[in-house]
Structure formats: structure tokens, C-alpha cells
Amino acid sequence: MLSRASLVSPLLARSGRLVRGGGLLAPLGLCLIAVTARLVGGLSRHGFVDEVLGLTAVGQMLVWWGMDGIRRSRGWCSGVVSHVWTGGVMTGLAVSSTAIFELTPIPLIAPLVATLARWRMRRDARRAEVAR
């Protein structure tokens, strides 16, 4: 889903790619770990947890980095919030596969912040229209 704003602003397009890639890094990495662990001959529980949580940390850093670019370009209405939610839920599922359920809600912080930012941007736009 490309909007006119993403075609005009290279920062918004790059930030959208960061958000999408970061949100899918942990789930795709989990699939890759599951396939290669079977082929190679197994993976210890400690190694599995380390790899999944490492991919999750890198993915979340990419998501937050992309969200910072979206904030700077004021592009919250570009359709990226749905991608942030999808990535957050999928990353939460990947984290829950480690059986450390206390960490499962952490990837959902980014979608909540993105949704609040979009609501604030829309509210500010309505206030600016009323002031005119």
C-alpha cells in the first residue's frame, strides 16, 4: 500500500520499510531456526531462547528506528500503523515460543505508541482546520 506521501518523501518510504522488516524479523527468524535446527540436529533450549530473543531485539530496534522516521515526516496516516500492529502481534507470538511469557507483551508497546501518535496527529489536524 503506497500513498502519495510515501512517493514524495524518501524518509517516509525508508521508515515504512524499516517498520515492515523489523516487525517480520523475529517470526521469519523463528521459522528459519525451526527448519535449520531439524536439519542440523537440534538446538538446546538456551540457544533457541538466545537466538529468538536476539532477533526480537534487533527487530524491535528496526521498528522503533522506522517509527522515529515516520514521526519526523508526520506520516502516520500512510497506512503503516496496521503493519506495526501485525509485526507486534507476530513478534509477540515468536517471543511466547520461548516460554518466557513475561516478555510477550513487550512487542505490543510499539503498536500502541503508533496508534496514539496517529490519533494525536489526526486530532491536531482537526484543531488546525477549526482554527482557520
N, C-alpha and C. Protein backbone atom coordinates (compact mmCIF):
# COMPACT_ATOMS: atom_id res chain seq x y z
N MET A 1 0.85 -1.16 0.00
CA MET A 1 0.00 0.00 0.00
C MET A 1 0.90 1.24 0.00
N LEU A 2 0.97 1.91 -1.12
CA LEU A 2 1.76 3.12 -1.22
C LEU A 2 0.83 4.32 -1.30
N SER A 3 1.12 5.30 -0.51
CA SER A 3 0.35 6.52 -0.58
C SER A 3 1.16 7.57 -1.33
N ARG A 4 0.52 8.68 -1.62
CA ARG A 4 1.24 9.75 -2.32
C ARG A 4 2.36 10.30 -1.46
N ALA A 5 2.16 10.31 -0.13
CA ALA A 5 3.18 10.84 0.77
C ALA A 5 4.44 9.98 0.73
N SER A 6 4.27 8.64 0.62
CA SER A 6 5.45 7.79 0.59
C SER A 6 6.19 7.93 -0.74
N LEU A 7 5.48 8.31 -1.81
CA LEU A 7 6.15 8.53 -3.08
C LEU A 7 6.91 9.84 -3.09
N VAL A 8 6.46 10.80 -2.29
CA VAL A 8 7.09 12.11 -2.24
C VAL A 8 8.26 12.11 -1.26
N SER A 9 8.08 11.50 -0.11
CA SER A 9 9.08 11.56 0.94
C SER A 9 9.92 10.28 0.99
N PRO A 10 11.20 10.38 0.66
CA PRO A 10 12.04 9.18 0.76
C PRO A 10 12.24 8.72 2.21
N LEU A 11 12.19 9.65 3.16
CA LEU A 11 12.30 9.29 4.57
C LEU A 11 11.12 8.42 5.00
N LEU A 12 9.92 8.78 4.56
CA LEU A 12 8.74 8.00 4.90
C LEU A 12 8.79 6.61 4.27
N ALA A 13 9.22 6.53 3.03
CA ALA A 13 9.32 5.22 2.37
C ALA A 13 10.35 4.33 3.06
N ARG A 14 11.50 4.90 3.40
CA ARG A 14 12.55 4.14 4.08
C ARG A 14 12.09 3.71 5.47
N SER A 15 11.41 4.60 6.17
CA SER A 15 10.92 4.28 7.51
C SER A 15 9.85 3.19 7.46
N GLY A 16 9.00 3.24 6.45
CA GLY A 16 8.00 2.19 6.30
C GLY A 16 8.62 0.83 6.06
N ARG A 17 9.68 0.80 5.27
CA ARG A 17 10.39 -0.47 5.03
C ARG A 17 11.05 -0.97 6.32
N LEU A 18 11.61 -0.06 7.11
CA LEU A 18 12.21 -0.47 8.38
C LEU A 18 11.16 -1.07 9.32
N VAL A 19 10.00 -0.44 9.39
CA VAL A 19 8.94 -0.95 10.27
C VAL A 19 8.47 -2.32 9.81
N ARG A 20 8.27 -2.47 8.50
CA ARG A 20 7.80 -3.76 7.99
C ARG A 20 8.84 -4.85 8.18
N GLY A 21 10.08 -4.54 7.89
CA GLY A 21 11.16 -5.54 8.04
C GLY A 21 11.42 -5.89 9.49
N GLY A 22 11.42 -4.90 10.35
CA GLY A 22 11.67 -5.16 11.77
C GLY A 22 10.56 -5.97 12.41
N GLY A 23 9.33 -5.74 11.97
CA GLY A 23 8.21 -6.49 12.53
C GLY A 23 8.20 -7.95 12.10
N LEU A 24 8.78 -8.24 10.96
CA LEU A 24 8.78 -9.62 10.47
C LEU A 24 10.07 -10.37 10.75
N LEU A 25 11.07 -9.70 11.30
CA LEU A 25 12.36 -10.33 11.52
C LEU A 25 12.28 -11.50 12.49
N ALA A 26 11.66 -11.32 13.64
CA ALA A 26 11.59 -12.40 14.64
C ALA A 26 10.73 -13.58 14.18
N PRO A 27 9.53 -13.36 13.59
CA PRO A 27 8.75 -14.53 13.15
C PRO A 27 9.43 -15.30 12.02
N LEU A 28 10.00 -14.60 11.06
CA LEU A 28 10.70 -15.29 9.97
C LEU A 28 11.97 -15.98 10.48
N GLY A 29 12.65 -15.34 11.41
CA GLY A 29 13.82 -15.97 12.03
C GLY A 29 13.44 -17.21 12.81
N LEU A 30 12.29 -17.17 13.48
CA LEU A 30 11.80 -18.34 14.21
C LEU A 30 11.55 -19.50 13.25
N CYS A 31 10.94 -19.22 12.11
CA CYS A 31 10.71 -20.27 11.11
C CYS A 31 12.02 -20.82 10.59
N LEU A 32 12.98 -19.94 10.32
CA LEU A 32 14.28 -20.39 9.83
C LEU A 32 15.01 -21.22 10.88
N ILE A 33 14.93 -20.82 12.14
CA ILE A 33 15.56 -21.58 13.22
C ILE A 33 14.91 -22.96 13.34
N ALA A 34 13.59 -23.02 13.22
CA ALA A 34 12.89 -24.30 13.34
C ALA A 34 13.29 -25.26 12.22
N VAL A 35 13.42 -24.74 11.00
CA VAL A 35 13.80 -25.60 9.87
C VAL A 35 15.25 -26.04 9.98
N THR A 36 16.15 -25.12 10.26
CA THR A 36 17.57 -25.47 10.30
C THR A 36 17.92 -26.31 11.52
N ALA A 37 17.22 -26.11 12.62
CA ALA A 37 17.50 -26.92 13.82
C ALA A 37 17.17 -28.39 13.55
N ARG A 38 16.11 -28.64 12.79
CA ARG A 38 15.76 -30.00 12.43
C ARG A 38 16.81 -30.61 11.50
N LEU A 39 17.30 -29.82 10.57
CA LEU A 39 18.27 -30.34 9.60
C LEU A 39 19.64 -30.56 10.22
N VAL A 40 20.05 -29.65 11.08
CA VAL A 40 21.38 -29.70 11.67
C VAL A 40 21.46 -30.74 12.78
N GLY A 41 20.38 -30.97 13.48
CA GLY A 41 20.42 -31.98 14.51
C GLY A 41 20.01 -31.48 15.88
N GLY A 42 19.32 -30.40 15.93
CA GLY A 42 18.81 -29.93 17.21
C GLY A 42 19.49 -28.68 17.71
N LEU A 43 18.84 -28.08 18.66
CA LEU A 43 19.33 -26.85 19.25
C LEU A 43 18.92 -26.88 20.72
N SER A 44 19.82 -26.51 21.58
CA SER A 44 19.48 -26.53 23.00
C SER A 44 18.45 -25.45 23.30
N ARG A 45 17.74 -25.61 24.40
CA ARG A 45 16.72 -24.63 24.77
C ARG A 45 17.33 -23.27 25.00
N HIS A 46 18.50 -23.23 25.64
CA HIS A 46 19.18 -21.97 25.90
C HIS A 46 19.58 -21.29 24.58
N GLY A 47 20.09 -22.06 23.64
CA GLY A 47 20.46 -21.50 22.35
C GLY A 47 19.25 -20.98 21.58
N PHE A 48 18.15 -21.73 21.65
CA PHE A 48 16.92 -21.31 20.98
C PHE A 48 16.41 -19.98 21.56
N VAL A 49 16.37 -19.89 22.88
CA VAL A 49 15.90 -18.67 23.54
C VAL A 49 16.81 -17.49 23.19
N ASP A 50 18.12 -17.71 23.21
CA ASP A 50 19.05 -16.64 22.86
C ASP A 50 18.84 -16.14 21.44
N GLU A 51 18.67 -17.07 20.50
CA GLU A 51 18.51 -16.66 19.10
C GLU A 51 17.19 -15.93 18.86
N VAL A 52 16.11 -16.43 19.42
CA VAL A 52 14.81 -15.79 19.21
C VAL A 52 14.77 -14.42 19.87
N LEU A 53 15.27 -14.32 21.10
CA LEU A 53 15.25 -13.02 21.77
C LEU A 53 16.22 -12.04 21.12
N GLY A 54 17.33 -12.53 20.58
CA GLY A 54 18.25 -11.65 19.84
C GLY A 54 17.60 -11.10 18.58
N LEU A 55 16.92 -11.97 17.82
CA LEU A 55 16.22 -11.50 16.63
C LEU A 55 15.09 -10.53 16.99
N THR A 56 14.43 -10.80 18.09
CA THR A 56 13.36 -9.91 18.54
C THR A 56 13.92 -8.53 18.91
N ALA A 57 15.04 -8.51 19.59
CA ALA A 57 15.64 -7.22 19.98
C ALA A 57 16.05 -6.42 18.75
N VAL A 58 16.68 -7.08 17.78
CA VAL A 58 17.09 -6.38 16.56
C VAL A 58 15.86 -5.90 15.79
N GLY A 59 14.83 -6.74 15.70
CA GLY A 59 13.61 -6.35 15.01
C GLY A 59 12.92 -5.16 15.67
N GLN A 60 12.87 -5.16 17.00
CA GLN A 60 12.25 -4.05 17.70
C GLN A 60 13.05 -2.76 17.53
N MET A 61 14.38 -2.87 17.48
CA MET A 61 15.19 -1.67 17.23
C MET A 61 14.88 -1.11 15.85
N LEU A 62 14.73 -1.97 14.84
CA LEU A 62 14.38 -1.50 13.50
C LEU A 62 13.00 -0.85 13.47
N VAL A 63 12.05 -1.45 14.19
CA VAL A 63 10.70 -0.89 14.24
C VAL A 63 10.72 0.51 14.87
N TRP A 64 11.41 0.65 15.99
CA TRP A 64 11.45 1.96 16.66
C TRP A 64 12.23 2.98 15.84
N TRP A 65 13.25 2.54 15.14
CA TRP A 65 14.01 3.44 14.27
C TRP A 65 13.12 3.92 13.12
N GLY A 66 12.36 3.00 12.54
CA GLY A 66 11.43 3.38 11.49
C GLY A 66 10.32 4.29 11.99
N MET A 67 9.83 4.01 13.20
CA MET A 67 8.78 4.87 13.77
C MET A 67 9.29 6.28 14.02
N ASP A 68 10.57 6.41 14.36
CA ASP A 68 11.14 7.75 14.53
C ASP A 68 11.15 8.51 13.21
N GLY A 69 11.48 7.84 12.13
CA GLY A 69 11.44 8.48 10.82
C GLY A 69 10.03 8.86 10.40
N ILE A 70 9.08 8.01 10.72
CA ILE A 70 7.69 8.33 10.41
C ILE A 70 7.22 9.52 11.23
N ARG A 71 7.66 9.60 12.47
CA ARG A 71 7.31 10.75 13.31
C ARG A 71 7.88 12.03 12.72
N ARG A 72 9.13 11.96 12.26
CA ARG A 72 9.76 13.16 11.72
C ARG A 72 9.10 13.62 10.42
N SER A 73 8.59 12.67 9.62
CA SER A 73 7.94 13.04 8.36
C SER A 73 6.44 13.22 8.51
N ARG A 74 5.92 13.04 9.74
CA ARG A 74 4.49 13.17 10.04
C ARG A 74 3.66 12.32 9.10
N GLY A 75 4.05 11.04 8.97
CA GLY A 75 3.40 10.15 8.02
C GLY A 75 2.61 9.03 8.66
N TRP A 76 2.00 9.29 9.80
CA TRP A 76 1.26 8.23 10.49
C TRP A 76 0.04 7.78 9.72
N CYS A 77 -0.50 8.60 8.84
CA CYS A 77 -1.70 8.21 8.07
C CYS A 77 -1.33 7.51 6.77
N SER A 78 -0.10 7.07 6.64
CA SER A 78 0.32 6.42 5.39
C SER A 78 -0.01 4.93 5.37
N GLY A 79 -0.71 4.42 6.36
CA GLY A 79 -1.08 3.02 6.39
C GLY A 79 -0.08 2.12 7.07
N VAL A 80 0.91 2.70 7.70
CA VAL A 80 1.97 1.90 8.32
C VAL A 80 1.56 1.37 9.70
N VAL A 81 0.54 1.96 10.32
CA VAL A 81 0.14 1.53 11.66
C VAL A 81 -0.36 0.09 11.65
N SER A 82 -1.05 -0.29 10.59
CA SER A 82 -1.51 -1.69 10.51
C SER A 82 -0.33 -2.64 10.40
N HIS A 83 0.72 -2.23 9.74
CA HIS A 83 1.92 -3.06 9.65
C HIS A 83 2.63 -3.15 11.00
N VAL A 84 2.60 -2.06 11.77
CA VAL A 84 3.20 -2.08 13.10
C VAL A 84 2.43 -3.06 13.99
N TRP A 85 1.09 -3.04 13.90
CA TRP A 85 0.29 -3.96 14.70
C TRP A 85 0.54 -5.42 14.29
N THR A 86 0.58 -5.68 13.00
CA THR A 86 0.84 -7.05 12.53
C THR A 86 2.20 -7.54 13.00
N GLY A 87 3.21 -6.70 12.86
CA GLY A 87 4.54 -7.06 13.32
C GLY A 87 4.61 -7.26 14.82
N GLY A 88 3.89 -6.43 15.58
CA GLY A 88 3.89 -6.56 17.04
C GLY A 88 3.25 -7.85 17.50
N VAL A 89 2.12 -8.21 16.88
CA VAL A 89 1.44 -9.46 17.26
C VAL A 89 2.29 -10.67 16.87
N MET A 90 2.84 -10.65 15.65
CA MET A 90 3.65 -11.79 15.21
C MET A 90 4.93 -11.92 16.04
N THR A 91 5.53 -10.80 16.39
CA THR A 91 6.72 -10.85 17.24
C THR A 91 6.37 -11.32 18.64
N GLY A 92 5.21 -10.91 19.15
CA GLY A 92 4.75 -11.40 20.44
C GLY A 92 4.57 -12.91 20.44
N LEU A 93 4.04 -13.45 19.34
CA LEU A 93 3.91 -14.90 19.22
C LEU A 93 5.27 -15.59 19.17
N ALA A 94 6.22 -14.97 18.47
CA ALA A 94 7.57 -15.55 18.42
C ALA A 94 8.22 -15.54 19.79
N VAL A 95 8.02 -14.47 20.55
CA VAL A 95 8.59 -14.39 21.90
C VAL A 95 7.92 -15.41 22.81
N SER A 96 6.63 -15.62 22.65
CA SER A 96 5.95 -16.58 23.51
C SER A 96 6.40 -18.01 23.22
N SER A 97 6.99 -18.26 22.06
CA SER A 97 7.50 -19.60 21.77
C SER A 97 8.71 -19.94 22.63
N THR A 98 9.31 -18.96 23.28
CA THR A 98 10.44 -19.22 24.17
C THR A 98 9.99 -19.66 25.55
N ALA A 99 8.69 -19.63 25.82
CA ALA A 99 8.09 -19.99 27.11
C ALA A 99 8.47 -19.01 28.23
N ILE A 100 8.88 -17.81 27.86
CA ILE A 100 9.09 -16.74 28.84
C ILE A 100 7.93 -15.75 28.61
N PHE A 101 6.80 -16.07 29.21
CA PHE A 101 5.57 -15.36 28.90
C PHE A 101 5.55 -13.93 29.45
N GLU A 102 6.45 -13.60 30.35
CA GLU A 102 6.51 -12.23 30.87
C GLU A 102 6.98 -11.25 29.80
N LEU A 103 7.70 -11.73 28.80
CA LEU A 103 8.23 -10.87 27.75
C LEU A 103 7.28 -10.72 26.56
N THR A 104 6.20 -11.50 26.54
CA THR A 104 5.30 -11.50 25.39
C THR A 104 4.67 -10.14 25.10
N PRO A 105 4.22 -9.34 26.09
CA PRO A 105 3.57 -8.07 25.74
C PRO A 105 4.53 -6.96 25.31
N ILE A 106 5.82 -7.14 25.46
CA ILE A 106 6.77 -6.06 25.14
C ILE A 106 6.69 -5.63 23.67
N PRO A 107 6.59 -6.55 22.70
CA PRO A 107 6.48 -6.09 21.31
C PRO A 107 5.19 -5.34 20.99
N LEU A 108 4.21 -5.36 21.88
CA LEU A 108 2.97 -4.64 21.64
C LEU A 108 3.03 -3.18 22.08
N ILE A 109 4.15 -2.76 22.66
CA ILE A 109 4.30 -1.35 23.06
C ILE A 109 4.41 -0.46 21.82
N ALA A 110 5.16 -0.89 20.82
CA ALA A 110 5.33 -0.08 19.60
C ALA A 110 4.00 0.15 18.89
N PRO A 111 3.14 -0.87 18.70
CA PRO A 111 1.85 -0.58 18.06
C PRO A 111 0.96 0.37 18.87
N LEU A 112 1.01 0.26 20.18
CA LEU A 112 0.22 1.19 21.00
C LEU A 112 0.71 2.62 20.83
N VAL A 113 2.02 2.80 20.82
CA VAL A 113 2.58 4.15 20.63
C VAL A 113 2.24 4.68 19.24
N ALA A 114 2.32 3.82 18.22
CA ALA A 114 2.00 4.25 16.85
C ALA A 114 0.53 4.65 16.73
N THR A 115 -0.36 3.89 17.36
CA THR A 115 -1.78 4.22 17.32
C THR A 115 -2.06 5.54 18.02
N LEU A 116 -1.44 5.75 19.17
CA LEU A 116 -1.63 7.02 19.87
C LEU A 116 -1.07 8.19 19.07
N ALA A 117 0.05 7.99 18.40
CA ALA A 117 0.63 9.05 17.58
C ALA A 117 -0.29 9.40 16.41
N ARG A 118 -0.89 8.36 15.81
CA ARG A 118 -1.82 8.63 14.70
C ARG A 118 -3.05 9.38 15.19
N TRP A 119 -3.58 8.98 16.35
CA TRP A 119 -4.73 9.69 16.91
C TRP A 119 -4.39 11.14 17.22
N ARG A 120 -3.21 11.38 17.78
CA ARG A 120 -2.80 12.75 18.09
C ARG A 120 -2.64 13.57 16.82
N MET A 121 -2.06 12.97 15.76
CA MET A 121 -1.87 13.71 14.52
C MET A 121 -3.22 14.08 13.91
N ARG A 122 -4.17 13.15 13.93
CA ARG A 122 -5.50 13.46 13.40
C ARG A 122 -6.19 14.53 14.24
N ARG A 123 -6.06 14.46 15.56
CA ARG A 123 -6.67 15.45 16.44
C ARG A 123 -6.08 16.83 16.17
N ASP A 124 -4.76 16.91 16.03
CA ASP A 124 -4.12 18.19 15.76
C ASP A 124 -4.54 18.75 14.40
N ALA A 125 -4.73 17.86 13.41
CA ALA A 125 -5.17 18.32 12.09
C ALA A 125 -6.58 18.88 12.17
N ARG A 126 -7.46 18.24 12.94
CA ARG A 126 -8.83 18.75 13.10
C ARG A 126 -8.81 20.09 13.80
N ARG A 127 -7.98 20.23 14.82
CA ARG A 127 -7.90 21.52 15.53
C ARG A 127 -7.37 22.62 14.62
N ALA A 128 -6.43 22.28 13.75
CA ALA A 128 -5.90 23.28 12.82
C ALA A 128 -6.96 23.70 11.81
N GLU A 129 -7.82 22.78 11.39
CA GLU A 129 -8.90 23.13 10.45
C GLU A 129 -9.93 24.03 11.13
N VAL A 130 -10.22 23.75 12.38
CA VAL A 130 -11.19 24.56 13.12
C VAL A 130 -10.66 25.97 13.34
N ALA A 131 -9.37 26.10 13.55
CA ALA A 131 -8.77 27.41 13.83
C ALA A 131 -8.76 28.30 12.59
N ARG A 132 -8.82 27.72 11.43
CA ARG A 132 -8.78 28.52 10.19
C ARG A 132 -10.05 29.19 10.00
